[in-house]
Full PDB file with SEQRES, HELIX, SHEET, SSBOND, CRYST1, ORIGX, SCALE, CONECT and MASTER records, all heavy atoms in Angstrom:
SEQRES   1 A   30  ARG VAL VAL ALA ALA VAL ALA THR THR VAL ARG PRO ARG          
SEQRES   2 A   30  PRO HIS ARG ASP ARG ILE VAL VAL ALA CYS MET ASP GLY          
SEQRES   3 A   30  GLU TRP HIS ALA                                              
HELIX    1 AA1 VAL A    2  THR A    9  1                                   8    
CRYST1    1.000    1.000    1.000  90.00  90.00  90.00 P 1           1          
ORIGX1      1.000000  0.000000  0.000000        0.00000                         
ORIGX2      0.000000  1.000000  0.000000        0.00000                         
ORIGX3      0.000000  0.000000  1.000000        0.00000                         
SCALE1      1.000000  0.000000  0.000000        0.00000                         
SCALE2      0.000000  1.000000  0.000000        0.00000                         
SCALE3      0.000000  0.000000  1.000000        0.00000                         
ATOM      1  N   ARG A   1      61.083 125.695 199.551  1.00  0.00           N  
ATOM      2  CA  ARG A   1      59.907 125.984 200.396  1.00  0.00           C  
ATOM      3  C   ARG A   1      59.242 127.298 199.977  1.00  0.00           C  
ATOM      4  O   ARG A   1      58.019 127.428 200.032  1.00  0.00           O  
ATOM      5  CB  ARG A   1      60.343 126.054 201.865  1.00  0.00           C  
ATOM      6  CG  ARG A   1      60.864 124.724 202.413  1.00  0.00           C  
ATOM      7  CD  ARG A   1      59.744 123.719 202.522  1.00  0.00           C  
ATOM      8  NE  ARG A   1      58.775 124.139 203.540  1.00  0.00           N  
ATOM      9  CZ  ARG A   1      57.524 123.703 203.605  1.00  0.00           C  
ATOM     10  NH1 ARG A   1      57.085 122.831 202.695  1.00  0.00           N  
ATOM     11  NH2 ARG A   1      56.721 124.115 204.559  1.00  0.00           N  
ATOM     12  N   VAL A   2      60.061 128.261 199.548  1.00  0.00           N  
ATOM     13  CA  VAL A   2      59.497 129.521 199.064  1.00  0.00           C  
ATOM     14  C   VAL A   2      58.680 129.293 197.795  1.00  0.00           C  
ATOM     15  O   VAL A   2      57.564 129.822 197.658  1.00  0.00           O  
ATOM     16  CB  VAL A   2      60.634 130.553 198.806  1.00  0.00           C  
ATOM     17  CG1 VAL A   2      60.090 131.773 198.067  1.00  0.00           C  
ATOM     18  CG2 VAL A   2      61.285 130.975 200.113  1.00  0.00           C  
ATOM     19  N   VAL A   3      59.213 128.501 196.874  1.00  0.00           N  
ATOM     20  CA  VAL A   3      58.477 128.202 195.640  1.00  0.00           C  
ATOM     21  C   VAL A   3      57.165 127.518 195.965  1.00  0.00           C  
ATOM     22  O   VAL A   3      56.111 127.821 195.400  1.00  0.00           O  
ATOM     23  CB  VAL A   3      59.338 127.336 194.703  1.00  0.00           C  
ATOM     24  CG1 VAL A   3      58.527 126.882 193.485  1.00  0.00           C  
ATOM     25  CG2 VAL A   3      60.581 128.102 194.248  1.00  0.00           C  
ATOM     26  N   ALA A   4      57.198 126.576 196.908  1.00  0.00           N  
ATOM     27  CA  ALA A   4      55.968 125.880 197.306  1.00  0.00           C  
ATOM     28  C   ALA A   4      54.964 126.841 197.916  1.00  0.00           C  
ATOM     29  O   ALA A   4      53.753 126.753 197.658  1.00  0.00           O  
ATOM     30  CB  ALA A   4      56.307 124.764 198.291  1.00  0.00           C  
ATOM     31  N   ALA A   5      55.448 127.782 198.715  1.00  0.00           N  
ATOM     32  CA  ALA A   5      54.552 128.753 199.344  1.00  0.00           C  
ATOM     33  C   ALA A   5      53.907 129.666 198.301  1.00  0.00           C  
ATOM     34  O   ALA A   5      52.710 129.966 198.378  1.00  0.00           O  
ATOM     35  CB  ALA A   5      55.310 129.586 200.379  1.00  0.00           C  
ATOM     36  N   VAL A   6      54.703 130.087 197.336  1.00  0.00           N  
ATOM     37  CA  VAL A   6      54.154 130.931 196.260  1.00  0.00           C  
ATOM     38  C   VAL A   6      53.110 130.143 195.456  1.00  0.00           C  
ATOM     39  O   VAL A   6      52.052 130.662 195.112  1.00  0.00           O  
ATOM     40  CB  VAL A   6      55.284 131.428 195.330  1.00  0.00           C  
ATOM     41  CG1 VAL A   6      54.725 132.117 194.097  1.00  0.00           C  
ATOM     42  CG2 VAL A   6      56.204 132.389 196.088  1.00  0.00           C  
ATOM     43  N   ALA A   7      53.419 128.886 195.173  1.00  0.00           N  
ATOM     44  CA  ALA A   7      52.492 128.055 194.407  1.00  0.00           C  
ATOM     45  C   ALA A   7      51.181 127.846 195.156  1.00  0.00           C  
ATOM     46  O   ALA A   7      50.100 127.767 194.551  1.00  0.00           O  
ATOM     47  CB  ALA A   7      53.131 126.700 194.098  1.00  0.00           C  
ATOM     48  N   THR A   8      51.249 127.747 196.471  1.00  0.00           N  
ATOM     49  CA  THR A   8      50.041 127.562 197.260  1.00  0.00           C  
ATOM     50  C   THR A   8      49.217 128.842 197.348  1.00  0.00           C  
ATOM     51  O   THR A   8      47.983 128.818 197.367  1.00  0.00           O  
ATOM     52  CB  THR A   8      50.420 127.094 198.683  1.00  0.00           C  
ATOM     53  OG1 THR A   8      51.140 125.872 198.605  1.00  0.00           O  
ATOM     54  CG2 THR A   8      49.179 126.886 199.536  1.00  0.00           C  
ATOM     55  N   THR A   9      49.923 129.968 197.359  1.00  0.00           N  
ATOM     56  CA  THR A   9      49.240 131.257 197.502  1.00  0.00           C  
ATOM     57  C   THR A   9      48.586 131.716 196.218  1.00  0.00           C  
ATOM     58  O   THR A   9      47.474 132.250 196.227  1.00  0.00           O  
ATOM     59  CB  THR A   9      50.260 132.331 197.976  1.00  0.00           C  
ATOM     60  OG1 THR A   9      50.839 131.913 199.220  1.00  0.00           O  
ATOM     61  CG2 THR A   9      49.587 133.677 198.154  1.00  0.00           C  
ATOM     62  N   VAL A  10      49.256 131.495 195.092  1.00  0.00           N  
ATOM     63  CA  VAL A  10      48.768 131.942 193.791  1.00  0.00           C  
ATOM     64  C   VAL A  10      48.384 130.702 192.991  1.00  0.00           C  
ATOM     65  O   VAL A  10      49.251 129.947 192.564  1.00  0.00           O  
ATOM     66  CB  VAL A  10      49.816 132.776 193.045  1.00  0.00           C  
ATOM     67  CG1 VAL A  10      49.236 133.322 191.751  1.00  0.00           C  
ATOM     68  CG2 VAL A  10      50.349 133.897 193.911  1.00  0.00           C  
ATOM     69  N   ARG A  11      47.093 130.506 192.795  1.00  0.00           N  
ATOM     70  CA  ARG A  11      46.611 129.253 192.192  1.00  0.00           C  
ATOM     71  C   ARG A  11      45.681 129.533 191.013  1.00  0.00           C  
ATOM     72  O   ARG A  11      44.465 129.390 191.111  1.00  0.00           O  
ATOM     73  CB  ARG A  11      45.899 128.398 193.242  1.00  0.00           C  
ATOM     74  CG  ARG A  11      46.769 128.046 194.451  1.00  0.00           C  
ATOM     75  CD  ARG A  11      45.955 127.393 195.543  1.00  0.00           C  
ATOM     76  NE  ARG A  11      45.328 126.179 195.078  1.00  0.00           N  
ATOM     77  CZ  ARG A  11      44.410 125.489 195.773  1.00  0.00           C  
ATOM     78  NH1 ARG A  11      44.009 125.933 196.951  1.00  0.00           N  
ATOM     79  NH2 ARG A  11      43.893 124.379 195.293  1.00  0.00           N  
ATOM     80  N   PRO A  12      46.223 129.959 189.872  1.00  0.00           N  
ATOM     81  CA  PRO A  12      45.363 130.204 188.717  1.00  0.00           C  
ATOM     82  C   PRO A  12      44.784 128.904 188.166  1.00  0.00           C  
ATOM     83  O   PRO A  12      45.450 127.875 188.209  1.00  0.00           O  
ATOM     84  CB  PRO A  12      46.311 130.860 187.710  1.00  0.00           C  
ATOM     85  CG  PRO A  12      47.668 130.322 188.077  1.00  0.00           C  
ATOM     86  CD  PRO A  12      47.652 130.194 189.564  1.00  0.00           C  
ATOM     87  N   ARG A  13      43.594 128.980 187.669  1.00  0.00           N  
ATOM     88  CA  ARG A  13      42.989 127.797 187.056  1.00  0.00           C  
ATOM     89  C   ARG A  13      43.567 127.622 185.655  1.00  0.00           C  
ATOM     90  O   ARG A  13      43.580 128.565 184.859  1.00  0.00           O  
ATOM     91  CB  ARG A  13      41.472 127.943 186.989  1.00  0.00           C  
ATOM     92  CG  ARG A  13      40.753 126.695 186.466  1.00  0.00           C  
ATOM     93  CD  ARG A  13      39.262 126.856 186.593  1.00  0.00           C  
ATOM     94  NE  ARG A  13      38.865 126.945 187.994  1.00  0.00           N  
ATOM     95  CZ  ARG A  13      38.675 125.899 188.790  1.00  0.00           C  
ATOM     96  NH1 ARG A  13      38.887 124.669 188.326  1.00  0.00           N  
ATOM     97  NH2 ARG A  13      38.303 126.063 190.036  1.00  0.00           N  
ATOM     98  N   PRO A  14      44.061 126.431 185.324  1.00  0.00           N  
ATOM     99  CA  PRO A  14      44.672 126.245 184.004  1.00  0.00           C  
ATOM    100  C   PRO A  14      43.651 126.398 182.876  1.00  0.00           C  
ATOM    101  O   PRO A  14      42.514 125.937 182.992  1.00  0.00           O  
ATOM    102  CB  PRO A  14      45.221 124.826 184.063  1.00  0.00           C  
ATOM    103  CG  PRO A  14      44.463 124.143 185.146  1.00  0.00           C  
ATOM    104  CD  PRO A  14      44.115 125.196 186.131  1.00  0.00           C  
ATOM    105  N   HIS A  15      44.080 127.066 181.809  1.00  0.00           N  
ATOM    106  CA  HIS A  15      43.222 127.208 180.626  1.00  0.00           C  
ATOM    107  C   HIS A  15      43.971 126.786 179.362  1.00  0.00           C  
ATOM    108  O   HIS A  15      43.468 126.969 178.273  1.00  0.00           O  
ATOM    109  CB  HIS A  15      42.738 128.658 180.486  1.00  0.00           C  
ATOM    110  CG  HIS A  15      43.843 129.663 180.381  1.00  0.00           C  
ATOM    111  ND1 HIS A  15      44.429 130.252 181.496  1.00  0.00           N  
ATOM    112  CD2 HIS A  15      44.479 130.187 179.296  1.00  0.00           C  
ATOM    113  CE1 HIS A  15      45.366 131.107 181.098  1.00  0.00           C  
ATOM    114  NE2 HIS A  15      45.417 131.080 179.762  1.00  0.00           N  
ATOM    115  N   ARG A  16      45.181 126.213 179.569  1.00  0.00           N  
ATOM    116  CA  ARG A  16      45.953 125.726 178.445  1.00  0.00           C  
ATOM    117  C   ARG A  16      46.207 124.227 178.618  1.00  0.00           C  
ATOM    118  O   ARG A  16      45.819 123.633 179.631  1.00  0.00           O  
ATOM    119  CB  ARG A  16      47.292 126.476 178.357  1.00  0.00           C  
ATOM    120  CG  ARG A  16      47.118 127.935 177.940  1.00  0.00           C  
ATOM    121  CD  ARG A  16      48.408 128.705 178.060  1.00  0.00           C  
ATOM    122  NE  ARG A  16      48.570 129.639 176.966  1.00  0.00           N  
ATOM    123  CZ  ARG A  16      49.557 130.506 176.854  1.00  0.00           C  
ATOM    124  NH1 ARG A  16      50.508 130.538 177.786  1.00  0.00           N  
ATOM    125  NH2 ARG A  16      49.630 131.319 175.816  1.00  0.00           N  
ATOM    126  N   ASP A  17      46.868 123.633 177.621  1.00  0.00           N  
ATOM    127  CA  ASP A  17      47.066 122.175 177.609  1.00  0.00           C  
ATOM    128  C   ASP A  17      47.989 121.689 178.738  1.00  0.00           C  
ATOM    129  O   ASP A  17      48.696 122.480 179.363  1.00  0.00           O  
ATOM    130  CB  ASP A  17      47.669 121.746 176.266  1.00  0.00           C  
ATOM    131  CG  ASP A  17      46.724 121.969 175.113  1.00  0.00           C  
ATOM    132  OD1 ASP A  17      45.519 122.058 175.344  1.00  0.00           O  
ATOM    133  OD2 ASP A  17      47.217 122.087 173.971  1.00  0.00           O  
ATOM    134  N   ARG A  18      47.952 120.388 178.934  1.00  0.00           N  
ATOM    135  CA  ARG A  18      48.814 119.775 179.922  1.00  0.00           C  
ATOM    136  C   ARG A  18      50.253 119.712 179.422  1.00  0.00           C  
ATOM    137  O   ARG A  18      50.526 119.377 178.275  1.00  0.00           O  
ATOM    138  CB  ARG A  18      48.350 118.371 180.282  1.00  0.00           C  
ATOM    139  CG  ARG A  18      49.331 117.608 181.169  1.00  0.00           C  
ATOM    140  CD  ARG A  18      48.753 116.353 181.762  1.00  0.00           C  
ATOM    141  NE  ARG A  18      47.712 116.689 182.715  1.00  0.00           N  
ATOM    142  CZ  ARG A  18      47.091 115.795 183.507  1.00  0.00           C  
ATOM    143  NH1 ARG A  18      47.411 114.519 183.403  1.00  0.00           N  
ATOM    144  NH2 ARG A  18      46.159 116.168 184.354  1.00  0.00           N  
ATOM    145  N   ILE A  19      51.183 120.049 180.342  1.00  0.00           N  
ATOM    146  CA  ILE A  19      52.603 119.994 180.069  1.00  0.00           C  
ATOM    147  C   ILE A  19      53.261 119.181 181.173  1.00  0.00           C  
ATOM    148  O   ILE A  19      52.910 119.325 182.345  1.00  0.00           O  
ATOM    149  CB  ILE A  19      53.237 121.405 180.065  1.00  0.00           C  
ATOM    150  CG1 ILE A  19      52.514 122.319 179.066  1.00  0.00           C  
ATOM    151  CG2 ILE A  19      54.737 121.344 179.799  1.00  0.00           C  
ATOM    152  CD1 ILE A  19      52.671 121.887 177.638  1.00  0.00           C  
ATOM    153  N   VAL A  20      54.193 118.316 180.804  1.00  0.00           N  
ATOM    154  CA  VAL A  20      54.960 117.558 181.793  1.00  0.00           C  
ATOM    155  C   VAL A  20      56.377 118.139 181.859  1.00  0.00           C  
ATOM    156  O   VAL A  20      57.021 118.335 180.816  1.00  0.00           O  
ATOM    157  CB  VAL A  20      55.018 116.050 181.429  1.00  0.00           C  
ATOM    158  CG1 VAL A  20      55.979 115.299 182.353  1.00  0.00           C  
ATOM    159  CG2 VAL A  20      53.618 115.459 181.521  1.00  0.00           C  
ATOM    160  N   VAL A  21      56.852 118.407 183.058  1.00  0.00           N  
ATOM    161  CA  VAL A  21      58.202 118.910 183.279  1.00  0.00           C  
ATOM    162  C   VAL A  21      58.934 117.900 184.154  1.00  0.00           C  
ATOM    163  O   VAL A  21      58.420 117.484 185.189  1.00  0.00           O  
ATOM    164  CB  VAL A  21      58.200 120.297 183.974  1.00  0.00           C  
ATOM    165  CG1 VAL A  21      59.635 120.787 184.184  1.00  0.00           C  
ATOM    166  CG2 VAL A  21      57.399 121.310 183.154  1.00  0.00           C  
ATOM    167  N   ALA A  22      60.135 117.508 183.728  1.00  0.00           N  
ATOM    168  CA  ALA A  22      60.875 116.480 184.471  1.00  0.00           C  
ATOM    169  C   ALA A  22      62.378 116.697 184.330  1.00  0.00           C  
ATOM    170  O   ALA A  22      62.850 117.244 183.337  1.00  0.00           O  
ATOM    171  CB  ALA A  22      60.503 115.085 183.970  1.00  0.00           C  
ATOM    172  N   CYS A  23      63.094 116.258 185.338  1.00  0.00           N  
ATOM    173  CA  CYS A  23      64.548 116.155 185.264  1.00  0.00           C  
ATOM    174  C   CYS A  23      64.883 114.737 184.795  1.00  0.00           C  
ATOM    175  O   CYS A  23      64.356 113.768 185.329  1.00  0.00           O  
ATOM    176  CB  CYS A  23      65.200 116.414 186.610  1.00  0.00           C  
ATOM    177  SG  CYS A  23      64.913 118.091 187.263  1.00  0.00           S  
ATOM    178  N   MET A  24      65.737 114.646 183.798  1.00  0.00           N  
ATOM    179  CA  MET A  24      66.041 113.320 183.256  1.00  0.00           C  
ATOM    180  C   MET A  24      66.812 112.472 184.252  1.00  0.00           C  
ATOM    181  O   MET A  24      67.340 112.983 185.260  1.00  0.00           O  
ATOM    182  CB  MET A  24      66.786 113.463 181.942  1.00  0.00           C  
ATOM    183  CG  MET A  24      68.064 114.219 182.017  1.00  0.00           C  
ATOM    184  SD  MET A  24      68.647 114.642 180.367  1.00  0.00           S  
ATOM    185  CE  MET A  24      67.342 115.659 179.726  1.00  0.00           C  
ATOM    186  N   ASP A  25      66.874 111.211 183.989  1.00  0.00           N  
ATOM    187  CA  ASP A  25      67.516 110.246 184.881  1.00  0.00           C  
ATOM    188  C   ASP A  25      68.932 110.688 185.210  1.00  0.00           C  
ATOM    189  O   ASP A  25      69.726 110.991 184.321  1.00  0.00           O  
ATOM    190  CB  ASP A  25      67.538 108.863 184.184  1.00  0.00           C  
ATOM    191  CG  ASP A  25      67.746 107.722 185.184  1.00  0.00           C  
ATOM    192  OD1 ASP A  25      67.879 108.014 186.387  1.00  0.00           O  
ATOM    193  OD2 ASP A  25      67.746 106.579 184.739  1.00  0.00           O  
ATOM    194  N   GLY A  26      69.253 110.738 186.508  1.00  0.00           N  
ATOM    195  CA  GLY A  26      70.579 111.161 186.951  1.00  0.00           C  
ATOM    196  C   GLY A  26      70.721 112.642 187.172  1.00  0.00           C  
ATOM    197  O   GLY A  26      71.773 113.105 187.651  1.00  0.00           O  
ATOM    198  N   GLU A  27      69.705 113.425 186.879  1.00  0.00           N  
ATOM    199  CA  GLU A  27      69.718 114.872 187.064  1.00  0.00           C  
ATOM    200  C   GLU A  27      69.017 115.207 188.375  1.00  0.00           C  
ATOM    201  O   GLU A  27      67.804 115.063 188.505  1.00  0.00           O  
ATOM    202  CB  GLU A  27      69.030 115.568 185.902  1.00  0.00           C  
ATOM    203  CG  GLU A  27      68.923 117.078 186.064  1.00  0.00           C  
ATOM    204  CD  GLU A  27      70.284 117.714 186.259  1.00  0.00           C  
ATOM    205  OE1 GLU A  27      71.075 117.743 185.312  1.00  0.00           O  
ATOM    206  OE2 GLU A  27      70.550 118.143 187.427  1.00  0.00           O  
ATOM    207  N   TRP A  28      69.827 115.645 189.369  1.00  0.00           N  
ATOM    208  CA  TRP A  28      69.283 115.888 190.712  1.00  0.00           C  
ATOM    209  C   TRP A  28      69.093 117.365 191.021  1.00  0.00           C  
ATOM    210  O   TRP A  28      68.620 117.717 192.104  1.00  0.00           O  
ATOM    211  CB  TRP A  28      70.215 115.256 191.751  1.00  0.00           C  
ATOM    212  CG  TRP A  28      70.240 113.772 191.627  1.00  0.00           C  
ATOM    213  CD1 TRP A  28      71.194 112.993 190.998  1.00  0.00           C  
ATOM    214  CD2 TRP A  28      69.268 112.842 192.103  1.00  0.00           C  
ATOM    215  NE1 TRP A  28      70.859 111.668 191.074  1.00  0.00           N  
ATOM    216  CE2 TRP A  28      69.688 111.541 191.742  1.00  0.00           C  
ATOM    217  CE3 TRP A  28      68.071 112.993 192.813  1.00  0.00           C  
ATOM    218  CZ2 TRP A  28      68.956 110.398 192.059  1.00  0.00           C  
ATOM    219  CZ3 TRP A  28      67.331 111.860 193.126  1.00  0.00           C  
ATOM    220  CH2 TRP A  28      67.785 110.578 192.749  1.00  0.00           C  
ATOM    221  N   HIS A  29      69.456 118.246 190.097  1.00  0.00           N  
ATOM    222  CA  HIS A  29      69.264 119.688 190.290  1.00  0.00           C  
ATOM    223  C   HIS A  29      67.826 120.036 189.878  1.00  0.00           C  
ATOM    224  O   HIS A  29      67.582 120.455 188.739  1.00  0.00           O  
ATOM    225  CB  HIS A  29      70.279 120.495 189.481  1.00  0.00           C  
ATOM    226  CG  HIS A  29      71.703 120.238 189.882  1.00  0.00           C  
ATOM    227  ND1 HIS A  29      72.415 119.145 189.439  1.00  0.00           N  
ATOM    228  CD2 HIS A  29      72.536 120.946 190.694  1.00  0.00           C  
ATOM    229  CE1 HIS A  29      73.641 119.175 189.958  1.00  0.00           C  
ATOM    230  NE2 HIS A  29      73.736 120.248 190.713  1.00  0.00           N  
ATOM    231  N   ALA A  30      66.893 119.886 190.800  1.00  0.00           N  
ATOM    232  CA  ALA A  30      65.482 119.983 190.443  1.00  0.00           C  
ATOM    233  C   ALA A  30      64.909 121.393 190.567  1.00  0.00           C  
ATOM    234  O   ALA A  30      63.881 121.693 189.955  1.00  0.00           O  
ATOM    235  CB  ALA A  30      64.666 119.035 191.310  1.00  0.00           C  
TER     236      ALA A  30                                                      
MASTER        0    0    0    1    0    0    0    6  235    1    0    3          
END                                                                             
């Protein structure tokens, strides 16, 4: 919830390429 609050408060406009971040199948430590 803290990470979400920080993300909502600080919202820079992206100026670099798109990146996908994911936890692989079976990885629940997100």
